[in-house]
Amino acid sequence: MRHLNITSAKGLERLEYLILPFKITDVEVNNELIDKLAALAKLTYEGEERESIKSDLQRIMNFVDKLESVDTAGVEPLVYLTDEVQTLRADDVKRTIEKKEALERAPQKDSDYFKVPKVLSK
């Protein structure tokens, strides 16, 4: 298996090509595209809803077009939002209730088990 280096601009361009083998702004938002996307998502759109989806998708495409015009030369890809390292809490050992003690406190029990009301029906 080959790994793709996305820490460089060339790697990002290659990744973009692998994901979308065409320029996003070359796509025309029309009823055919909406039908194809709806079929892939197993959705149906009719009338006003179809026009709303088409309008939203066109706005998204326009936004992507704006993003493509931004000069990102020399900008390193963002991997993490902060430089902070995740700190974990200490794993403290605490007193737990023994099984026998827990069963003594149970409202209903049967030898080694808690009895609870049935929640699923057949």
C-alpha atoms as a PDB file:
ATOM      1  CA  MET A   1       0.000   0.000   0.000  1.00  0.00           C
ATOM      2  CA  ARG A   2       1.343   3.430  -0.935  1.00  0.00           C
ATOM      3  CA  HIS A   3       0.941   6.310   1.447  1.00  0.00           C
ATOM      4  CA  LEU A   4       0.223   9.816   0.238  1.00  0.00           C
ATOM      5  CA  ASN A   5       2.273  12.627   1.747  1.00  0.00           C
ATOM      6  CA  ILE A   6      -0.192  15.458   2.334  1.00  0.00           C
ATOM      7  CA  THR A   7       2.235  17.660   4.240  1.00  0.00           C
ATOM      8  CA  SER A   8       3.356  19.254   0.979  1.00  0.00           C
ATOM      9  CA  ALA A   9       1.478  21.267  -1.612  1.00  0.00           C
ATOM     10  CA  LYS A  10       2.101  18.543  -4.214  1.00  0.00           C
ATOM     11  CA  GLY A  11       0.658  15.948  -1.851  1.00  0.00           C
ATOM     12  CA  LEU A  12      -2.437  18.072  -1.310  1.00  0.00           C
ATOM     13  CA  GLU A  13      -2.885  18.560  -5.058  1.00  0.00           C
ATOM     14  CA  ARG A  14      -2.591  14.796  -5.556  1.00  0.00           C
ATOM     15  CA  LEU A  15      -5.104  14.187  -2.754  1.00  0.00           C
ATOM     16  CA  GLU A  16      -7.509  16.680  -4.337  1.00  0.00           C
ATOM     17  CA  TYR A  17      -7.174  14.823  -7.643  1.00  0.00           C
ATOM     18  CA  LEU A  18      -7.854  11.476  -5.979  1.00  0.00           C
ATOM     19  CA  ILE A  19     -10.977  12.816  -4.298  1.00  0.00           C
ATOM     20  CA  LEU A  20     -12.274  14.951  -7.178  1.00  0.00           C
ATOM     21  CA  PRO A  21     -10.777  14.176 -10.601  1.00  0.00           C
ATOM     22  CA  PHE A  22     -12.312  17.425 -11.913  1.00  0.00           C
ATOM     23  CA  LYS A  23     -12.486  21.056 -10.875  1.00  0.00           C
ATOM     24  CA  ILE A  24     -15.488  21.603  -8.624  1.00  0.00           C
ATOM     25  CA  THR A  25     -16.303  24.853 -10.399  1.00  0.00           C
ATOM     26  CA  ASP A  26     -16.640  22.981 -13.722  1.00  0.00           C
ATOM     27  CA  VAL A  27     -19.744  21.215 -12.407  1.00  0.00           C
ATOM     28  CA  GLU A  28     -23.048  22.680 -13.543  1.00  0.00           C
ATOM     29  CA  VAL A  29     -25.765  22.596 -10.889  1.00  0.00           C
ATOM     30  CA  ASN A  30     -28.863  21.434 -12.740  1.00  0.00           C
ATOM     31  CA  ASN A  31     -31.803  19.074 -12.242  1.00  0.00           C
ATOM     32  CA  GLU A  32     -29.797  16.149 -13.613  1.00  0.00           C
ATOM     33  CA  LEU A  33     -27.092  16.651 -10.956  1.00  0.00           C
ATOM     34  CA  ILE A  34     -29.713  16.991  -8.212  1.00  0.00           C
ATOM     35  CA  ASP A  35     -31.387  13.762  -9.392  1.00  0.00           C
ATOM     36  CA  LYS A  36     -28.049  11.926  -9.444  1.00  0.00           C
ATOM     37  CA  LEU A  37     -27.092  13.118  -5.943  1.00  0.00           C
ATOM     38  CA  ALA A  38     -30.578  12.311  -4.641  1.00  0.00           C
ATOM     39  CA  ALA A  39     -30.361   8.794  -6.083  1.00  0.00           C
ATOM     40  CA  LEU A  40     -26.941   8.240  -4.496  1.00  0.00           C
ATOM     41  CA  ALA A  41     -28.272   9.451  -1.141  1.00  0.00           C
ATOM     42  CA  LYS A  42     -31.556   7.554  -1.626  1.00  0.00           C
ATOM     43  CA  LEU A  43     -33.537  10.785  -1.273  1.00  0.00           C
ATOM     44  CA  THR A  44     -36.302  12.348  -3.321  1.00  0.00           C
ATOM     45  CA  TYR A  45     -36.841  16.034  -3.969  1.00  0.00           C
ATOM     46  CA  GLU A  46     -39.892  17.535  -5.621  1.00  0.00           C
ATOM     47  CA  GLY A  47     -40.899  21.058  -6.638  1.00  0.00           C
ATOM     48  CA  GLU A  48     -39.890  23.824  -4.287  1.00  0.00           C
ATOM     49  CA  GLU A  49     -37.652  21.521  -2.232  1.00  0.00           C
ATOM     50  CA  ARG A  50     -35.676  20.606  -5.378  1.00  0.00           C
ATOM     51  CA  GLU A  51     -35.157  24.299  -6.184  1.00  0.00           C
ATOM     52  CA  SER A  52     -34.057  24.973  -2.604  1.00  0.00           C
ATOM     53  CA  ILE A  53     -31.506  22.129  -2.755  1.00  0.00           C
ATOM     54  CA  LYS A  54     -30.277  23.368  -6.143  1.00  0.00           C
ATOM     55  CA  SER A  55     -29.882  26.896  -4.758  1.00  0.00           C
ATOM     56  CA  ASP A  56     -28.005  25.639  -1.677  1.00  0.00           C
ATOM     57  CA  LEU A  57     -25.691  23.509  -3.790  1.00  0.00           C
ATOM     58  CA  GLN A  58     -24.975  26.468  -6.086  1.00  0.00           C
ATOM     59  CA  ARG A  59     -24.092  28.609  -3.034  1.00  0.00           C
ATOM     60  CA  ILE A  60     -21.729  25.866  -1.835  1.00  0.00           C
ATOM     61  CA  MET A  61     -20.076  25.710  -5.274  1.00  0.00           C
ATOM     62  CA  ASN A  62     -19.652  29.499  -5.291  1.00  0.00           C
ATOM     63  CA  PHE A  63     -18.048  29.323  -1.847  1.00  0.00           C
ATOM     64  CA  VAL A  64     -15.641  26.602  -3.020  1.00  0.00           C
ATOM     65  CA  ASP A  65     -14.828  28.780  -6.027  1.00  0.00           C
ATOM     66  CA  LYS A  66     -13.917  31.633  -3.658  1.00  0.00           C
ATOM     67  CA  LEU A  67     -11.739  29.269  -1.601  1.00  0.00           C
ATOM     68  CA  GLU A  68      -9.903  28.131  -4.730  1.00  0.00           C
ATOM     69  CA  SER A  69      -8.969  31.740  -5.508  1.00  0.00           C
ATOM     70  CA  VAL A  70      -7.192  32.185  -2.151  1.00  0.00           C
ATOM     71  CA  ASP A  71      -3.389  32.117  -2.422  1.00  0.00           C
ATOM     72  CA  THR A  72      -2.190  29.362  -0.075  1.00  0.00           C
ATOM     73  CA  ALA A  73       1.428  29.270  -1.245  1.00  0.00           C
ATOM     74  CA  GLY A  74       3.688  28.769   1.742  1.00  0.00           C
ATOM     75  CA  VAL A  75       0.819  27.919   4.098  1.00  0.00           C
ATOM     76  CA  GLU A  76       1.375  24.670   5.948  1.00  0.00           C
ATOM     77  CA  PRO A  77      -1.607  22.308   6.206  1.00  0.00           C
ATOM     78  CA  LEU A  78      -3.411  22.496   9.536  1.00  0.00           C
ATOM     79  CA  VAL A  79      -3.295  19.170  11.305  1.00  0.00           C
ATOM     80  CA  TYR A  80      -4.328  20.219  14.822  1.00  0.00           C
ATOM     81  CA  LEU A  81      -6.220  23.313  15.901  1.00  0.00           C
ATOM     82  CA  THR A  82      -4.015  23.923  18.961  1.00  0.00           C
ATOM     83  CA  ASP A  83      -0.501  23.087  20.109  1.00  0.00           C
ATOM     84  CA  GLU A  84      -1.840  21.672  23.363  1.00  0.00           C
ATOM     85  CA  VAL A  85      -1.161  18.067  24.191  1.00  0.00           C
ATOM     86  CA  GLN A  86      -4.069  16.022  25.478  1.00  0.00           C
ATOM     87  CA  THR A  87      -3.718  15.543  29.201  1.00  0.00           C
ATOM     88  CA  LEU A  88      -5.385  12.599  30.826  1.00  0.00           C
ATOM     89  CA  ARG A  89      -6.545  12.407  34.395  1.00  0.00           C
ATOM     90  CA  ALA A  90      -4.770  10.107  36.808  1.00  0.00           C
ATOM     91  CA  ASP A  91      -6.265   6.647  37.084  1.00  0.00           C
ATOM     92  CA  ASP A  92      -7.138   6.613  40.786  1.00  0.00           C
ATOM     93  CA  VAL A  93      -8.078   3.364  42.474  1.00  0.00           C
ATOM     94  CA  LYS A  94     -11.254   3.777  44.508  1.00  0.00           C
ATOM     95  CA  ARG A  95     -13.292   1.520  46.723  1.00  0.00           C
ATOM     96  CA  THR A  96     -15.952  -0.381  44.835  1.00  0.00           C
ATOM     97  CA  ILE A  97     -19.000  -2.255  46.036  1.00  0.00           C
ATOM     98  CA  GLU A  98     -18.608  -5.999  46.194  1.00  0.00           C
ATOM     99  CA  LYS A  99     -21.144  -8.118  44.317  1.00  0.00           C
ATOM    100  CA  LYS A 100     -22.653  -9.491  47.516  1.00  0.00           C
ATOM    101  CA  GLU A 101     -23.135  -5.973  48.948  1.00  0.00           C
ATOM    102  CA  ALA A 102     -24.694  -4.717  45.719  1.00  0.00           C
ATOM    103  CA  LEU A 103     -27.122  -7.634  45.587  1.00  0.00           C
ATOM    104  CA  GLU A 104     -28.126  -7.019  49.213  1.00  0.00           C
ATOM    105  CA  ARG A 105     -29.193  -3.480  48.249  1.00  0.00           C
ATOM    106  CA  ALA A 106     -31.084  -4.579  45.107  1.00  0.00           C
ATOM    107  CA  PRO A 107     -34.897  -4.324  45.264  1.00  0.00           C
ATOM    108  CA  GLN A 108     -35.226  -7.617  43.373  1.00  0.00           C
ATOM    109  CA  LYS A 109     -32.589 -10.295  42.900  1.00  0.00           C
ATOM    110  CA  ASP A 110     -32.243 -13.916  41.895  1.00  0.00           C
ATOM    111  CA  SER A 111     -29.191 -15.694  43.344  1.00  0.00           C
ATOM    112  CA  ASP A 112     -26.299 -13.865  41.615  1.00  0.00           C
ATOM    113  CA  TYR A 113     -28.310 -11.533  39.340  1.00  0.00           C
ATOM    114  CA  PHE A 114     -30.377  -8.345  39.516  1.00  0.00           C
ATOM    115  CA  LYS A 115     -34.000  -8.718  38.441  1.00  0.00           C
ATOM    116  CA  VAL A 116     -35.231  -5.877  36.280  1.00  0.00           C
ATOM    117  CA  PRO A 117     -38.527  -5.258  34.478  1.00  0.00           C
ATOM    118  CA  LYS A 118     -38.761  -6.496  30.896  1.00  0.00           C
ATOM    119  CA  VAL A 119     -38.035  -3.657  28.454  1.00  0.00           C
ATOM    120  CA  LEU A 120     -38.223  -5.428  25.091  1.00  0.00           C
ATOM    121  CA  SER A 121     -41.202  -7.166  23.618  1.00  0.00           C
ATOM    122  CA  LYS A 122     -41.062  -9.966  21.075  1.00  0.00           C
END
